[in-house]
Amino acid sequence: MLLLAVDTATPAVTVALHDGSSVLAAESQVDARRHGELLLPAVDRVLAEAGLKLEAVTDVVVGVGPGPYTGLRVGLVTALTFGSVLGVPVRGLCTLDGLAYASGLDGPFVVATDARRKEVYWARYADARTRLTEPAVDRPADIAGHEQVAGVPAVGAGARLYPEVFPDARGPEHQSAAALASLAAERLAAAGAGAADGVGTEAGAGGPGEGFLPALPLYLRRPDAEVPKNYKVVTPK
């Protein structure tokens, strides 16, 4: 197995290769405005570091968000293109799950990322591998004191931005390429074992924080750019 994992749903452009046993190469660059410029060169570099060609990839996993529209679609379009060209499966993974996995926390905690517009994307976890709630988008003031948020540590850039809501903010702040690939490899292995036992862990199976998701964007809200409701097309005479 050679797994290529990518995620552009946060300010970090993350790429990693995993062979089923360990991470072969990984790279993360934080630049919220240059996802489209940075992703393909990063893929080239991790392949070169591992001494492998793109044609050796057998599986692609992509972070599906939640995240801002523009950045999120860069990773998804790239992953789906690779899957089509190589003829390999493309699976989605919740971006928040990657951050949770990278935290290594054992007890309950929250992952919160910056959703812009003074909002956060967030979800609660039982531990680094188990998400308890579906991802949501809210204003920090609306979830302050919420039973799912109060009294537990918080991971991610959203937690750093709003210390009044998340006083126990911890790392990582952004997505970890190595953690994303390692979690994806774990879930692929579980999917294979589950198939042998007749129990699936592919997209849609298990609880909210188990298995894979379809390789489709998880926006949670409408794009910033929209056609005005009363927009009228004016035809030149």
Protein backbone atom coordinates (compact mmCIF):
# COMPACT_ATOMS: atom_id res chain seq x y z
CA MET A 1 0.00 0.00 0.00
CA LEU A 2 1.07 3.55 -0.71
CA LEU A 3 -1.34 6.10 0.68
CA LEU A 4 -1.28 9.75 -0.38
CA ALA A 5 -3.02 12.01 2.16
CA VAL A 6 -3.77 15.68 1.45
CA ASP A 7 -5.73 18.39 3.26
CA THR A 8 -6.30 22.05 2.40
CA ALA A 9 -9.34 22.70 4.60
CA THR A 10 -7.34 24.81 7.07
CA PRO A 11 -4.62 27.45 6.51
CA ALA A 12 -2.14 24.56 6.37
CA VAL A 13 -1.45 22.79 3.08
CA THR A 14 -0.64 19.24 4.18
CA VAL A 15 0.68 16.29 2.18
CA ALA A 16 2.02 12.93 3.38
CA LEU A 17 2.84 9.43 2.15
CA HIS A 18 2.23 6.32 4.25
CA ASP A 19 3.12 2.74 3.31
CA GLY A 20 0.84 1.06 5.85
CA SER A 21 3.60 0.80 8.43
CA SER A 22 4.97 4.31 8.76
CA VAL A 23 4.99 7.80 7.31
CA LEU A 24 7.51 7.93 4.46
CA ALA A 25 7.44 11.70 3.93
CA ALA A 26 5.30 14.59 5.09
CA GLU A 27 5.07 18.34 4.59
CA SER A 28 2.89 21.12 6.01
CA GLN A 29 2.93 24.78 4.98
CA VAL A 30 0.73 27.40 6.61
CA ASP A 31 -0.45 29.96 4.07
CA ALA A 32 -4.20 30.50 3.82
CA ARG A 33 -4.01 32.38 0.52
CA ARG A 34 -1.80 30.10 -1.62
CA HIS A 35 -3.28 26.62 -1.38
CA GLY A 36 -3.54 26.30 -5.16
CA GLU A 37 0.10 27.29 -5.66
CA LEU A 38 1.54 25.15 -2.88
CA LEU A 39 -0.24 21.81 -3.09
CA LEU A 40 1.15 20.21 -6.27
CA PRO A 41 4.78 21.21 -5.57
CA ALA A 42 4.36 19.75 -2.07
CA VAL A 43 3.15 16.47 -3.57
CA ASP A 44 6.20 16.43 -5.84
CA ARG A 45 8.54 17.04 -2.91
CA VAL A 46 7.15 14.30 -0.65
CA LEU A 47 7.30 11.82 -3.53
CA ALA A 48 10.91 12.84 -4.23
CA GLU A 49 11.80 12.55 -0.54
CA ALA A 50 10.36 9.03 -0.46
CA GLY A 51 12.06 8.14 -3.75
CA LEU A 52 8.75 7.18 -5.35
CA LYS A 53 6.67 8.07 -8.39
CA LEU A 54 3.04 9.18 -8.32
CA GLU A 55 2.13 6.00 -10.20
CA ALA A 56 3.03 3.97 -7.11
CA VAL A 57 0.13 5.46 -5.11
CA THR A 58 -2.61 2.91 -4.38
CA ASP A 59 -4.96 4.99 -2.22
CA VAL A 60 -5.78 8.67 -1.84
CA VAL A 61 -7.33 10.19 1.28
CA VAL A 62 -8.38 13.83 1.40
CA GLY A 63 -9.51 16.08 4.22
CA VAL A 64 -13.09 17.07 3.40
CA GLY A 65 -13.45 19.81 5.98
CA PRO A 66 -15.27 21.50 7.39
CA GLY A 67 -13.43 24.43 5.94
CA PRO A 68 -13.72 27.59 3.83
CA TYR A 69 -14.93 27.00 0.29
CA THR A 70 -11.91 28.16 -1.70
CA GLY A 71 -9.19 26.37 0.23
CA LEU A 72 -11.17 23.19 0.74
CA ARG A 73 -11.92 22.61 -2.93
CA VAL A 74 -8.21 22.80 -3.88
CA GLY A 75 -7.41 19.59 -2.01
CA LEU A 76 -10.58 17.83 -3.10
CA VAL A 77 -10.19 18.61 -6.79
CA THR A 78 -6.54 17.56 -6.69
CA ALA A 79 -7.29 14.31 -4.85
CA LEU A 80 -10.13 13.41 -7.20
CA THR A 81 -7.95 14.16 -10.21
CA PHE A 82 -5.21 11.88 -8.89
CA GLY A 83 -7.78 9.17 -8.24
CA SER A 84 -9.14 9.43 -11.77
CA VAL A 85 -5.73 9.47 -13.45
CA LEU A 86 -4.30 6.64 -11.35
CA GLY A 87 -7.48 4.59 -11.17
CA VAL A 88 -7.33 4.35 -7.37
CA PRO A 89 -9.99 4.97 -4.70
CA VAL A 90 -10.34 8.42 -3.14
CA ARG A 91 -11.73 8.54 0.40
CA GLY A 92 -12.70 11.50 2.54
CA LEU A 93 -11.64 12.12 6.13
CA CYS A 94 -13.04 14.76 8.46
CA THR A 95 -10.37 17.43 8.88
CA LEU A 96 -11.19 17.82 12.56
CA ASP A 97 -10.43 14.11 13.06
CA GLY A 98 -6.87 14.68 11.85
CA LEU A 99 -6.33 17.46 14.37
CA ALA A 100 -7.81 15.32 17.13
CA TYR A 101 -5.52 12.43 16.25
CA ALA A 102 -2.47 14.69 16.25
CA SER A 103 -3.34 15.96 19.74
CA GLY A 104 -2.83 12.53 21.32
CA LEU A 105 -5.31 13.42 24.07
CA ASP A 106 -6.97 10.57 25.96
CA GLY A 107 -9.87 12.27 27.73
CA PRO A 108 -12.74 14.36 26.39
CA PHE A 109 -11.81 17.47 24.41
CA VAL A 110 -12.97 19.74 21.60
CA VAL A 111 -11.40 20.53 18.24
CA ALA A 112 -12.12 24.07 17.02
CA THR A 113 -10.82 25.56 13.77
CA ASP A 114 -11.20 29.08 12.39
CA ALA A 115 -14.32 29.32 10.20
CA ARG A 116 -13.82 33.06 9.57
CA ARG A 117 -16.75 35.47 9.95
CA LYS A 118 -16.03 35.29 13.70
CA GLU A 119 -17.16 31.66 13.80
CA VAL A 120 -15.55 28.29 14.50
CA TYR A 121 -15.94 24.78 13.14
CA TRP A 122 -15.98 22.40 16.08
CA ALA A 123 -16.72 18.90 17.35
CA ARG A 124 -16.32 17.02 20.63
CA TYR A 125 -14.11 13.94 21.02
CA ALA A 126 -13.92 11.13 23.56
CA ASP A 127 -10.24 10.63 22.74
CA ALA A 128 -7.82 11.19 19.88
CA ARG A 129 -9.53 8.58 17.68
CA THR A 130 -13.21 8.93 18.58
CA ARG A 131 -15.45 11.83 17.60
CA LEU A 132 -18.70 12.07 19.56
CA THR A 133 -20.57 14.77 17.63
CA GLU A 134 -21.03 15.81 14.04
CA PRO A 135 -19.00 18.88 13.02
CA ALA A 136 -20.82 22.18 13.53
CA VAL A 137 -20.25 25.86 12.78
CA ASP A 138 -21.15 28.44 15.43
CA ARG A 139 -20.23 31.81 16.83
CA PRO A 140 -18.04 31.29 19.90
CA ALA A 141 -20.44 33.31 22.04
CA ASP A 142 -23.24 30.91 21.15
CA ILE A 143 -21.38 27.86 22.46
CA ALA A 144 -19.72 29.45 25.49
CA GLY A 145 -20.70 27.33 28.44
CA HIS A 146 -22.26 24.66 26.20
CA GLU A 147 -22.16 21.25 27.89
CA GLN A 148 -20.11 19.84 25.00
CA VAL A 149 -17.49 22.59 25.29
CA ALA A 150 -17.29 23.71 28.91
CA GLY A 151 -14.55 22.33 31.14
CA VAL A 152 -12.57 20.42 28.52
CA PRO A 153 -9.35 21.18 26.61
CA ALA A 154 -9.62 22.49 23.06
CA VAL A 155 -7.33 21.90 20.08
CA GLY A 156 -6.91 23.99 16.93
CA ALA A 157 -6.59 27.56 15.68
CA GLY A 158 -10.19 28.34 16.62
CA ALA A 159 -9.44 27.60 20.25
CA ARG A 160 -6.44 29.95 20.17
CA LEU A 161 -8.54 32.75 18.70
CA TYR A 162 -11.21 32.66 21.41
CA PRO A 163 -9.57 32.01 24.80
CA GLU A 164 -12.64 33.34 26.60
CA VAL A 165 -14.58 30.33 25.28
CA PHE A 166 -11.70 27.84 25.15
CA PRO A 167 -9.45 28.74 28.11
CA ASP A 168 -7.53 25.44 27.95
CA ALA A 169 -6.27 25.70 24.36
CA ARG A 170 -3.69 23.14 23.26
CA GLY A 171 -1.81 22.10 20.13
CA PRO A 172 -1.70 21.42 17.35
CA GLU A 173 -3.01 24.66 15.94
CA HIS A 174 -3.08 23.44 12.34
CA GLN A 175 -3.41 20.13 10.54
CA SER A 176 -0.49 17.68 10.82
CA ALA A 177 0.33 15.90 7.56
CA ALA A 178 1.90 12.94 9.35
CA ALA A 179 -1.05 12.56 11.73
CA LEU A 180 -3.57 12.79 8.89
CA ALA A 181 -1.78 10.04 6.96
CA SER A 182 -1.36 7.84 10.04
CA LEU A 183 -5.05 8.11 10.93
CA ALA A 184 -6.01 7.36 7.33
CA ALA A 185 -3.73 4.30 7.31
CA GLU A 186 -5.29 3.07 10.56
CA ARG A 187 -8.77 3.40 9.13
CA LEU A 188 -7.77 1.71 5.89
CA ALA A 189 -6.40 -1.21 7.89
CA ALA A 190 -9.60 -1.32 9.94
CA ALA A 191 -11.65 -1.24 6.75
CA GLY A 192 -9.71 -4.22 5.42
CA ALA A 193 -10.10 -6.14 8.67
CA GLY A 194 -13.76 -5.23 8.84
CA ALA A 195 -14.35 -6.44 5.30
CA ALA A 196 -12.77 -9.78 6.21
CA ASP A 197 -15.11 -10.01 9.22
CA GLY A 198 -18.12 -8.79 7.28
CA VAL A 199 -18.17 -5.44 9.12
CA GLY A 200 -17.65 -2.33 6.97
CA THR A 201 -15.89 0.86 8.05
CA GLU A 202 -16.02 2.62 4.71
CA ALA A 203 -17.94 5.84 4.03
CA GLY A 204 -21.11 6.07 6.02
CA ALA A 205 -20.39 3.13 8.35
CA GLY A 206 -19.99 3.29 12.11
CA GLY A 207 -20.47 6.29 14.38
CA PRO A 208 -19.84 9.96 13.56
CA GLY A 209 -16.10 9.66 14.09
CA GLU A 210 -15.45 6.28 12.50
CA GLY A 211 -14.40 5.20 9.01
CA PHE A 212 -14.28 7.40 5.94
CA LEU A 213 -16.57 9.96 4.35
CA PRO A 214 -17.38 10.46 0.67
CA ALA A 215 -14.81 12.66 -1.07
CA LEU A 216 -17.21 15.60 -1.06
CA PRO A 217 -16.76 19.04 0.56
CA LEU A 218 -18.13 19.51 4.06
CA TYR A 219 -18.88 23.24 4.00
CA LEU A 220 -21.57 23.54 6.72
CA ARG A 221 -22.60 26.90 5.27
CA ARG A 222 -23.04 28.68 1.96
CA PRO A 223 -20.02 30.10 0.06
CA ASP A 224 -19.01 33.71 0.68
CA ALA A 225 -19.67 34.63 -2.95
CA GLU A 226 -23.34 34.40 -3.87
CA VAL A 227 -25.57 35.88 -6.56
CA PRO A 228 -27.82 38.54 -4.96
CA LYS A 229 -31.45 37.45 -4.61
CA ASN A 230 -32.77 40.39 -6.63
CA TYR A 231 -30.05 40.21 -9.27
CA LYS A 232 -31.31 41.07 -12.76
CA VAL A 233 -29.54 40.34 -16.02
CA VAL A 234 -29.39 43.43 -18.21
CA THR A 235 -29.24 42.71 -21.92
CA PRO A 236 -27.61 45.42 -24.06
CA LYS A 237 -29.96 46.89 -26.65
